Amino acid sequence: MKSDHQSAKIVQINDHHAGQRIDNFLLGQLKGVPRSHVYQLLRSGQVRVNSGRKKPDYKLKLDDYVRIPPARINNEQAAVVPDSVIELIESCILFENEHLLMLNKPSGIAVHSGSGLAFGVIEALKQQHPEQFLELVHRLDRETSGCLLIAKNRTALLWLHELLRDETRSGLGKYYLALVAGHWHGTNTIDAPLKKAMRSGEHMVEINEDGQHATSHFETRKIYADASLVEVKIDTGRTHQIRVHAATAGHPVAGDRKYGDSEFNKAMKKRGLKRLFLHAARLELPAHTATSSQALVIEAPMSPDLQQLLKNLES
């Protein structure tokens, strides 16, 4: 949905708007534009006052000249995140400081909008905190739960992206828990390149020598009658990496409808599993001025339904 503002305009501030905060002034000028988009316009410098950038709390002065850029929004940007979703996400925050925020993402909620989804975690956070810089550092599949890292300023975002580019040397550690089919003994490393492909009209990821380098380290935590709980450390963060590597090893992840085993999934469903059993359980970050003065180890507890399933498998 396009706004009525097709080109930038210059507005001279009169007595009526003098003393008003610029963010509130813009919300009145750009009817229908989400608050988060208004603050993005301010942060990016697209809004100018007397040719200079201003923060959201700047109070307009008489005869100020304000440049208001064209505001184009689509239906996804205009979507309002329900209060119940915002409250759920806020309740999942595990750690927060001035540089970053870590939450235990629930399964079933996407990290961002797109592919038919009107909103995700990042849209909910931005709606709740429109004045705050908030950007995803990495992503999790919609059905995967656990540690999700959000940067609260651009310096932190750039530094964390640098860590992700070379995880084996940077001191960054990402650990997952997965329930897989069969008995998986000991420690196994799978180093197999991954490439996106279309199969029968469905987006898939497959092992392909022309794909991106991907390495996953699997270590057995507990063996059940027909399944194993494994911890997975990944050196790379490719789409569906753990799921594809586990399936290739003959131990598909429980509840995986894309790469999994249908009979195993049915058996786990009878024991109470209603989702993909893949959980980002722990994140380790080295100390750095851009994030924290001390190294951080943040753990995300498994949801009660996954904990109950493991108890069911013991009986």
Protein backbone atom coordinates (compact mmCIF):
# COMPACT_ATOMS: atom_id res chain seq x y z
CA MET A 1 0.00 0.00 0.00
CA LYS A 2 1.55 3.22 -1.12
CA SER A 3 1.15 6.39 0.83
CA ASP A 4 -0.05 9.63 -0.70
CA HIS A 5 3.43 11.09 -0.28
CA GLN A 6 5.04 10.53 -3.68
CA SER A 7 8.00 12.88 -3.24
CA ALA A 8 9.91 14.63 -0.47
CA LYS A 9 8.43 17.87 0.80
CA ILE A 10 9.74 20.72 2.92
CA VAL A 11 7.57 21.98 5.77
CA GLN A 12 8.25 25.20 7.68
CA ILE A 13 7.31 24.93 11.34
CA ASN A 14 4.69 27.40 12.56
CA ASP A 15 3.43 28.33 16.02
CA HIS A 16 1.11 25.31 16.09
CA HIS A 17 3.97 22.76 15.85
CA ALA A 18 6.78 24.67 17.58
CA GLY A 19 7.85 22.77 20.72
CA GLN A 20 6.52 19.42 19.43
CA ARG A 21 8.78 16.39 19.32
CA ILE A 22 9.77 15.60 15.77
CA ASP A 23 8.68 11.94 16.00
CA ASN A 24 5.17 12.96 17.03
CA PHE A 25 5.11 15.63 14.32
CA LEU A 26 6.03 13.05 11.67
CA LEU A 27 3.39 10.61 12.88
CA GLY A 28 0.83 13.33 12.29
CA GLN A 29 2.21 14.17 8.86
CA LEU A 30 2.56 10.57 7.67
CA LYS A 31 -0.88 9.18 8.40
CA GLY A 32 -1.02 5.39 8.32
CA VAL A 33 2.75 4.89 8.40
CA PRO A 34 3.82 2.56 11.26
CA ARG A 35 5.75 4.12 14.14
CA SER A 36 8.66 1.76 13.49
CA HIS A 37 8.95 3.08 9.92
CA VAL A 38 8.89 6.68 11.11
CA TYR A 39 11.79 6.00 13.49
CA GLN A 40 13.65 4.23 10.71
CA LEU A 41 13.32 7.38 8.57
CA LEU A 42 14.82 9.40 11.41
CA ARG A 43 17.67 6.96 12.11
CA SER A 44 18.63 6.71 8.44
CA GLY A 45 18.77 10.50 8.02
CA GLN A 46 15.99 10.64 5.43
CA VAL A 47 14.24 13.17 7.64
CA ARG A 48 16.21 16.43 7.92
CA VAL A 49 15.75 19.57 9.98
CA ASN A 50 17.51 22.59 8.50
CA SER A 51 19.54 20.09 6.42
CA GLY A 52 20.73 18.19 9.51
CA ARG A 53 19.83 14.92 11.22
CA LYS A 54 17.82 14.95 14.42
CA LYS A 55 17.00 12.40 17.10
CA PRO A 56 13.36 11.42 17.76
CA ASP A 57 13.17 13.57 20.91
CA TYR A 58 14.25 16.78 19.13
CA LYS A 59 11.75 19.57 19.81
CA LEU A 60 10.88 21.58 16.76
CA LYS A 61 11.53 25.32 16.77
CA LEU A 62 9.62 28.10 15.06
CA ASP A 63 10.67 28.46 11.39
CA ASP A 64 12.57 25.15 11.32
CA TYR A 65 12.55 23.58 7.87
CA VAL A 66 11.73 19.86 7.96
CA ARG A 67 12.36 17.60 4.99
CA ILE A 68 9.77 14.80 4.96
CA PRO A 69 10.69 11.97 2.55
CA PRO A 70 8.20 9.90 0.55
CA ALA A 71 6.84 7.13 2.76
CA ARG A 72 5.99 3.92 0.97
CA ILE A 73 4.62 1.06 3.00
CA ASN A 74 3.26 -2.33 2.08
CA ASN A 75 0.68 -4.47 3.79
CA GLU A 76 3.31 -6.44 5.69
CA GLN A 77 4.83 -3.27 7.14
CA ALA A 78 1.39 -1.99 8.08
CA ALA A 79 0.42 -5.19 9.93
CA VAL A 80 -0.18 -4.69 13.63
CA VAL A 81 1.33 -7.34 15.87
CA PRO A 82 -1.25 -8.58 18.43
CA ASP A 83 -0.61 -7.63 22.04
CA SER A 84 -0.63 -11.33 23.00
CA VAL A 85 2.32 -12.02 20.68
CA ILE A 86 4.25 -9.00 21.96
CA GLU A 87 3.67 -10.09 25.56
CA LEU A 88 4.82 -13.62 24.75
CA ILE A 89 8.02 -12.43 23.12
CA GLU A 90 8.77 -9.94 25.90
CA SER A 91 8.36 -12.77 28.44
CA CYS A 92 10.97 -14.82 26.54
CA ILE A 93 13.85 -12.36 27.02
CA LEU A 94 16.80 -14.18 28.61
CA PHE A 95 19.40 -11.41 28.70
CA GLU A 96 19.62 -7.73 27.83
CA ASN A 97 22.17 -4.95 28.10
CA GLU A 98 22.75 -1.69 26.24
CA HIS A 99 24.21 -3.51 23.22
CA LEU A 100 22.21 -6.68 22.68
CA LEU A 101 19.14 -8.65 23.57
CA MET A 102 18.78 -12.43 23.74
CA LEU A 103 15.47 -14.24 23.82
CA ASN A 104 14.24 -17.81 23.89
CA LYS A 105 12.23 -17.81 20.67
CA PRO A 106 9.11 -19.96 20.86
CA SER A 107 8.54 -22.58 18.19
CA GLY A 108 5.98 -21.57 15.57
CA ILE A 109 6.88 -17.88 15.49
CA ALA A 110 9.04 -16.66 12.59
CA VAL A 111 11.98 -14.36 13.25
CA HIS A 112 10.74 -11.87 10.63
CA SER A 113 7.88 -11.25 8.21
CA GLY A 114 7.84 -12.58 4.67
CA SER A 115 6.68 -15.62 2.69
CA GLY A 116 3.07 -14.88 3.53
CA LEU A 117 3.76 -13.99 7.18
CA ALA A 118 2.64 -10.52 8.26
CA PHE A 119 5.05 -10.29 11.20
CA GLY A 120 7.71 -12.06 13.20
CA VAL A 121 9.81 -11.56 16.31
CA ILE A 122 11.66 -8.50 15.03
CA GLU A 123 8.45 -6.71 13.96
CA ALA A 124 6.93 -7.37 17.39
CA LEU A 125 9.97 -5.94 19.17
CA LYS A 126 10.10 -2.88 16.93
CA GLN A 127 6.40 -2.21 17.45
CA GLN A 128 6.87 -2.36 21.21
CA HIS A 129 10.09 -0.27 21.17
CA PRO A 130 9.81 2.01 18.11
CA GLU A 131 12.57 4.39 19.20
CA GLN A 132 15.13 1.63 19.74
CA PHE A 133 17.52 0.32 17.07
CA LEU A 134 16.77 -3.42 16.83
CA GLU A 135 18.07 -5.79 14.15
CA LEU A 136 18.37 -9.57 13.85
CA VAL A 137 21.93 -10.86 14.19
CA HIS A 138 21.09 -14.33 12.84
CA ARG A 139 18.01 -16.43 12.08
CA LEU A 140 16.24 -19.54 13.28
CA ASP A 141 13.73 -21.63 11.34
CA ARG A 142 10.14 -20.88 12.27
CA GLU A 143 9.70 -24.24 14.03
CA THR A 144 13.07 -24.08 15.81
CA SER A 145 13.04 -22.65 19.33
CA GLY A 146 15.77 -21.19 21.48
CA CYS A 147 18.52 -18.57 21.56
CA LEU A 148 17.91 -15.68 19.18
CA LEU A 149 20.26 -12.69 19.27
CA ILE A 150 19.15 -9.11 18.55
CA ALA A 151 21.53 -6.15 18.20
CA LYS A 152 20.54 -2.86 19.83
CA ASN A 153 22.97 -0.67 17.91
CA ARG A 154 24.83 -0.81 14.61
CA THR A 155 28.26 -1.25 16.22
CA ALA A 156 27.09 -4.43 17.96
CA LEU A 157 25.41 -5.66 14.78
CA LEU A 158 28.56 -5.27 12.67
CA TRP A 159 30.77 -6.90 15.31
CA LEU A 160 28.44 -9.89 15.74
CA HIS A 161 28.20 -10.34 11.98
CA GLU A 162 32.00 -10.40 11.90
CA LEU A 163 31.97 -13.20 14.50
CA LEU A 164 29.48 -15.18 12.44
CA ARG A 165 31.73 -15.00 9.37
CA ASP A 166 34.46 -16.98 11.14
CA GLU A 167 32.88 -18.87 14.03
CA THR A 168 35.68 -21.42 14.42
CA ARG A 169 38.21 -18.71 15.30
CA SER A 170 36.07 -15.97 16.80
CA GLY A 171 35.10 -17.68 20.05
CA LEU A 172 31.42 -17.69 19.14
CA GLY A 173 29.66 -20.94 20.02
CA LYS A 174 26.17 -22.02 18.95
CA TYR A 175 24.83 -25.21 20.49
CA TYR A 176 21.56 -26.99 19.72
CA LEU A 177 19.66 -29.94 21.15
CA ALA A 178 17.92 -32.29 18.74
CA LEU A 179 16.03 -35.54 19.10
CA VAL A 180 16.94 -37.79 16.18
CA ALA A 181 15.86 -41.20 14.94
CA GLY A 182 17.80 -44.30 15.93
CA HIS A 183 20.86 -44.77 18.11
CA TRP A 184 23.55 -42.19 17.40
CA HIS A 185 26.67 -43.07 19.41
CA GLY A 186 29.62 -40.87 20.30
CA THR A 187 30.82 -37.74 18.54
CA ASN A 188 30.43 -37.26 14.80
CA THR A 189 31.42 -34.35 12.59
CA ILE A 190 29.64 -33.83 9.29
CA ASP A 191 31.38 -31.54 6.83
CA ALA A 192 29.17 -31.37 3.74
CA PRO A 193 28.39 -28.35 1.53
CA LEU A 194 24.75 -27.29 1.24
CA LYS A 195 22.86 -25.77 -1.67
CA LYS A 196 19.29 -24.54 -2.02
CA ALA A 197 17.13 -26.26 -4.65
CA MET A 198 13.54 -26.68 -5.79
CA ARG A 199 12.07 -30.17 -5.58
CA SER A 200 8.47 -30.76 -6.73
CA GLY A 201 7.77 -27.07 -6.29
CA GLU A 202 9.14 -27.01 -2.73
CA HIS A 203 12.17 -25.08 -1.48
CA MET A 204 14.72 -27.58 -0.19
CA VAL A 205 18.37 -27.70 0.86
CA GLU A 206 20.58 -30.55 -0.31
CA ILE A 207 24.17 -31.66 -0.09
CA ASN A 208 25.94 -30.50 -3.21
CA GLU A 209 29.64 -30.04 -3.91
CA ASP A 210 28.80 -26.68 -5.50
CA GLY A 211 27.08 -25.52 -2.32
CA GLN A 212 28.28 -23.46 0.66
CA HIS A 213 30.67 -24.97 3.18
CA ALA A 214 28.83 -26.33 6.24
CA THR A 215 30.13 -28.16 9.32
CA SER A 216 28.13 -29.66 12.19
CA HIS A 217 29.45 -31.54 15.25
CA PHE A 218 27.02 -34.05 16.80
CA GLU A 219 27.54 -35.48 20.28
CA THR A 220 25.22 -38.01 21.93
CA ARG A 221 23.60 -36.89 25.18
CA LYS A 222 21.14 -39.74 25.80
CA ILE A 223 19.89 -42.80 23.96
CA TYR A 224 16.28 -43.99 24.17
CA ALA A 225 14.57 -47.08 22.75
CA ASP A 226 14.30 -45.74 19.21
CA ALA A 227 15.74 -42.22 19.41
CA SER A 228 18.76 -40.24 20.57
CA LEU A 229 19.11 -36.81 22.14
CA VAL A 230 22.15 -35.11 20.61
CA GLU A 231 23.92 -31.80 21.15
CA VAL A 232 24.97 -30.10 17.93
CA LYS A 233 27.63 -27.40 17.63
CA ILE A 234 27.63 -25.68 14.26
CA ASP A 235 30.63 -23.90 12.77
CA THR A 236 28.46 -22.40 10.02
CA GLY A 237 24.88 -21.20 10.01
CA ARG A 238 23.39 -22.44 6.74
CA THR A 239 19.67 -22.78 6.12
CA HIS A 240 18.36 -26.12 7.48
CA GLN A 241 21.96 -27.18 8.17
CA ILE A 242 21.37 -29.43 11.18
CA ARG A 243 18.26 -30.98 9.69
CA VAL A 244 19.93 -31.89 6.40
CA HIS A 245 23.16 -33.12 7.99
CA ALA A 246 21.26 -35.27 10.49
CA ALA A 247 19.07 -36.79 7.76
CA THR A 248 22.12 -37.49 5.61
CA ALA A 249 23.69 -39.38 8.52
CA GLY A 250 20.59 -41.57 8.72
CA HIS A 251 19.28 -39.92 11.89
CA PRO A 252 16.62 -37.38 10.85
CA VAL A 253 15.33 -34.87 13.41
CA ALA A 254 12.04 -35.77 15.08
CA GLY A 255 9.05 -33.85 13.75
CA ASP A 256 10.85 -32.75 10.58
CA ARG A 257 8.20 -32.84 7.85
CA LYS A 258 10.64 -31.74 5.14
CA TYR A 259 13.68 -33.99 5.63
CA GLY A 260 12.44 -36.42 8.27
CA ASP A 261 11.18 -39.99 8.43
CA SER A 262 7.38 -40.22 8.39
CA GLU A 263 7.18 -43.42 10.46
CA PHE A 264 9.52 -42.05 13.10
CA ASN A 265 7.54 -38.81 13.18
CA LYS A 266 4.29 -40.75 13.69
CA ALA A 267 5.85 -42.70 16.56
CA MET A 268 7.07 -39.51 18.24
CA LYS A 269 3.69 -37.84 17.73
CA LYS A 270 2.07 -40.70 19.62
CA ARG A 271 4.47 -39.99 22.48
CA GLY A 272 3.39 -36.34 22.54
CA LEU A 273 5.60 -34.47 20.03
CA LYS A 274 3.71 -31.76 18.15
CA ARG A 275 6.62 -29.83 16.60
CA LEU A 276 10.15 -30.05 15.26
CA PHE A 277 12.47 -31.18 18.05
CA LEU A 278 15.29 -28.72 17.39
CA HIS A 279 16.23 -26.21 20.08
CA ALA A 280 19.01 -23.58 20.14
CA ALA A 281 20.05 -24.35 23.70
CA ARG A 282 23.18 -22.26 24.31
CA LEU A 283 25.07 -19.32 22.87
CA GLU A 284 28.61 -18.33 23.85
CA LEU A 285 29.97 -14.86 23.05
CA PRO A 286 33.51 -13.59 23.64
CA ALA A 287 34.05 -10.38 25.58
CA HIS A 288 34.13 -7.24 23.46
CA THR A 289 33.31 -3.57 23.98
CA ALA A 290 30.62 -3.82 21.29
CA THR A 291 28.63 -6.41 23.26
CA SER A 292 29.84 -7.06 26.79
CA SER A 293 32.90 -6.46 28.95
CA GLN A 294 32.76 -10.14 29.95
CA ALA A 295 32.32 -13.32 27.93
CA LEU A 296 28.69 -14.42 27.91
CA VAL A 297 27.21 -17.90 28.10
CA ILE A 298 23.44 -17.75 27.69
CA GLU A 299 21.28 -20.84 27.98
CA ALA A 300 17.68 -21.20 26.83
CA PRO A 301 15.63 -23.85 28.64
CA MET A 302 13.61 -26.26 26.54
CA SER A 303 9.87 -25.67 26.46
CA PRO A 304 7.74 -27.83 28.80
CA ASP A 305 6.37 -29.90 25.90
CA LEU A 306 9.86 -31.00 24.83
CA GLN A 307 10.85 -31.77 28.42
CA GLN A 308 7.69 -33.83 28.83
CA LEU A 309 8.40 -35.78 25.64
CA LEU A 310 11.81 -36.81 26.94
CA LYS A 311 10.15 -38.03 30.15
CA ASN A 312 7.65 -39.97 28.06
CA LEU A 313 10.49 -41.66 26.16
CA GLU A 314 11.99 -42.86 29.44
CA SER A 315 8.82 -44.71 30.46
